[in-house]
Amino acid sequence: MLITCPYCKTRSSHEFSYLGDAALLNRPEHDAPERVWTDYVYLRHNPRGTHEELWYHGAGCGAWLKVARDTASHEILNVELVRP
């Protein structure tokens, strides 16, 4: 799979680290029940089709990217730089 970094251009996905869903997760309160924390840490949606993900270009420029990818074909549909 190839990802086009805005700074480094097209690179192998091996240069990047997948960080998960780009949607914001709502962190439970510190005193939430263990079941709630277990769900927060381990359960994620596994959609088929277009999905926005966070990727980190660790073996390159160090940029954080939001990648829109088709999970069925692995086609990269869009790449955006994530700005703080």
C-alpha atoms as a PDB file:
ATOM      1  CA  MET A   1       0.000   0.000   0.000  1.00  0.00           C
ATOM      2  CA  LEU A   2       1.324   3.435  -0.912  1.00  0.00           C
ATOM      3  CA  ILE A   3       0.535   6.613   1.027  1.00  0.00           C
ATOM      4  CA  THR A   4       1.227  10.066  -0.385  1.00  0.00           C
ATOM      5  CA  CYS A   5       2.713  12.251   2.335  1.00  0.00           C
ATOM      6  CA  PRO A   6       2.216  16.008   1.715  1.00  0.00           C
ATOM      7  CA  TYR A   7       5.937  16.555   2.459  1.00  0.00           C
ATOM      8  CA  CYS A   8       7.713  13.377   1.297  1.00  0.00           C
ATOM      9  CA  LYS A   9       5.444  12.394  -1.618  1.00  0.00           C
ATOM     10  CA  THR A  10       4.476   8.763  -2.309  1.00  0.00           C
ATOM     11  CA  ARG A  11       5.936   6.270   0.170  1.00  0.00           C
ATOM     12  CA  SER A  12       5.404   2.662   1.214  1.00  0.00           C
ATOM     13  CA  SER A  13       2.999   2.163   4.106  1.00  0.00           C
ATOM     14  CA  HIS A  14       5.932   0.481   5.918  1.00  0.00           C
ATOM     15  CA  GLU A  15       7.260   3.985   6.669  1.00  0.00           C
ATOM     16  CA  PHE A  16       4.056   4.800   8.568  1.00  0.00           C
ATOM     17  CA  SER A  17       2.436   3.634  11.784  1.00  0.00           C
ATOM     18  CA  TYR A  18      -1.305   3.094  11.870  1.00  0.00           C
ATOM     19  CA  LEU A  19      -2.768   4.842  14.896  1.00  0.00           C
ATOM     20  CA  GLY A  20      -6.455   3.967  14.488  1.00  0.00           C
ATOM     21  CA  ASP A  21      -9.764   5.593  13.776  1.00  0.00           C
ATOM     22  CA  ALA A  22      -9.566   9.324  13.042  1.00  0.00           C
ATOM     23  CA  ALA A  23     -12.913   9.894  14.778  1.00  0.00           C
ATOM     24  CA  LEU A  24     -12.596  11.336  18.225  1.00  0.00           C
ATOM     25  CA  LEU A  25     -13.076   8.857  21.031  1.00  0.00           C
ATOM     26  CA  ASN A  26     -14.750  10.025  24.205  1.00  0.00           C
ATOM     27  CA  ARG A  27     -12.481   9.074  27.087  1.00  0.00           C
ATOM     28  CA  PRO A  28     -14.434   7.723  30.080  1.00  0.00           C
ATOM     29  CA  GLU A  29     -14.279   9.417  33.459  1.00  0.00           C
ATOM     30  CA  HIS A  30     -11.434   8.125  35.642  1.00  0.00           C
ATOM     31  CA  ASP A  31     -13.886   6.375  37.975  1.00  0.00           C
ATOM     32  CA  ALA A  32     -15.935   4.699  35.208  1.00  0.00           C
ATOM     33  CA  PRO A  33     -16.623   0.971  35.627  1.00  0.00           C
ATOM     34  CA  GLU A  34     -14.052  -1.499  34.290  1.00  0.00           C
ATOM     35  CA  ARG A  35     -16.476  -2.615  31.536  1.00  0.00           C
ATOM     36  CA  VAL A  36     -16.595   0.946  30.186  1.00  0.00           C
ATOM     37  CA  TRP A  37     -12.777   1.198  30.182  1.00  0.00           C
ATOM     38  CA  THR A  38     -12.455  -2.215  28.515  1.00  0.00           C
ATOM     39  CA  ASP A  39     -14.801  -1.111  25.730  1.00  0.00           C
ATOM     40  CA  TYR A  40     -12.899   2.179  25.321  1.00  0.00           C
ATOM     41  CA  VAL A  41      -9.495   0.498  25.070  1.00  0.00           C
ATOM     42  CA  TYR A  42     -10.313  -2.603  23.019  1.00  0.00           C
ATOM     43  CA  LEU A  43     -13.518  -2.202  21.007  1.00  0.00           C
ATOM     44  CA  ARG A  44     -13.410  -0.388  17.676  1.00  0.00           C
ATOM     45  CA  HIS A  45     -15.656  -0.362  14.642  1.00  0.00           C
ATOM     46  CA  ASN A  46     -14.356  -2.378  11.712  1.00  0.00           C
ATOM     47  CA  PRO A  47     -16.224  -0.850   8.782  1.00  0.00           C
ATOM     48  CA  ARG A  48     -16.191  -2.143   5.245  1.00  0.00           C
ATOM     49  CA  GLY A  49     -15.745   0.702   2.791  1.00  0.00           C
ATOM     50  CA  THR A  50     -14.447   4.228   3.273  1.00  0.00           C
ATOM     51  CA  HIS A  51     -12.874   4.867   6.655  1.00  0.00           C
ATOM     52  CA  GLU A  52     -10.788   7.773   8.003  1.00  0.00           C
ATOM     53  CA  GLU A  53      -7.663   6.716   9.870  1.00  0.00           C
ATOM     54  CA  LEU A  54      -4.703   8.351  11.583  1.00  0.00           C
ATOM     55  CA  TRP A  55      -1.229   7.486  10.331  1.00  0.00           C
ATOM     56  CA  TYR A  56       2.149   8.705  11.597  1.00  0.00           C
ATOM     57  CA  HIS A  57       5.082   9.069   9.187  1.00  0.00           C
ATOM     58  CA  GLY A  58       7.667   7.833  11.662  1.00  0.00           C
ATOM     59  CA  ALA A  59      10.303   6.764   9.114  1.00  0.00           C
ATOM     60  CA  GLY A  60       9.971  10.056   7.277  1.00  0.00           C
ATOM     61  CA  CYS A  61       9.082  13.614   8.206  1.00  0.00           C
ATOM     62  CA  GLY A  62       7.152  12.819  11.400  1.00  0.00           C
ATOM     63  CA  ALA A  63       3.857  14.178  10.070  1.00  0.00           C
ATOM     64  CA  TRP A  64       0.476  13.024  11.360  1.00  0.00           C
ATOM     65  CA  LEU A  65      -1.930  12.275   8.527  1.00  0.00           C
ATOM     66  CA  LYS A  66      -5.639  11.634   8.235  1.00  0.00           C
ATOM     67  CA  VAL A  67      -6.049   9.032   5.502  1.00  0.00           C
ATOM     68  CA  ALA A  68      -9.376   8.154   3.880  1.00  0.00           C
ATOM     69  CA  ARG A  69      -9.021   4.516   2.806  1.00  0.00           C
ATOM     70  CA  ASP A  70     -11.358   1.905   1.387  1.00  0.00           C
ATOM     71  CA  THR A  71     -10.956  -0.974   3.821  1.00  0.00           C
ATOM     72  CA  ALA A  72     -12.091  -3.539   1.239  1.00  0.00           C
ATOM     73  CA  SER A  73      -9.633  -2.606  -1.525  1.00  0.00           C
ATOM     74  CA  HIS A  74      -7.025  -0.634   0.495  1.00  0.00           C
ATOM     75  CA  GLU A  75      -7.348   2.172  -2.059  1.00  0.00           C
ATOM     76  CA  ILE A  76      -6.222   5.509  -0.603  1.00  0.00           C
ATOM     77  CA  LEU A  77      -8.898   8.074  -1.417  1.00  0.00           C
ATOM     78  CA  ASN A  78      -7.524  11.160   0.328  1.00  0.00           C
ATOM     79  CA  VAL A  79      -4.639  12.220   2.570  1.00  0.00           C
ATOM     80  CA  GLU A  80      -4.687  15.340   4.766  1.00  0.00           C
ATOM     81  CA  LEU A  81      -2.094  16.754   7.080  1.00  0.00           C
ATOM     82  CA  VAL A  82      -3.371  16.806  10.670  1.00  0.00           C
ATOM     83  CA  ARG A  83      -2.712  20.175  12.239  1.00  0.00           C
ATOM     84  CA  PRO A  84      -2.696  20.687  16.017  1.00  0.00           C
END
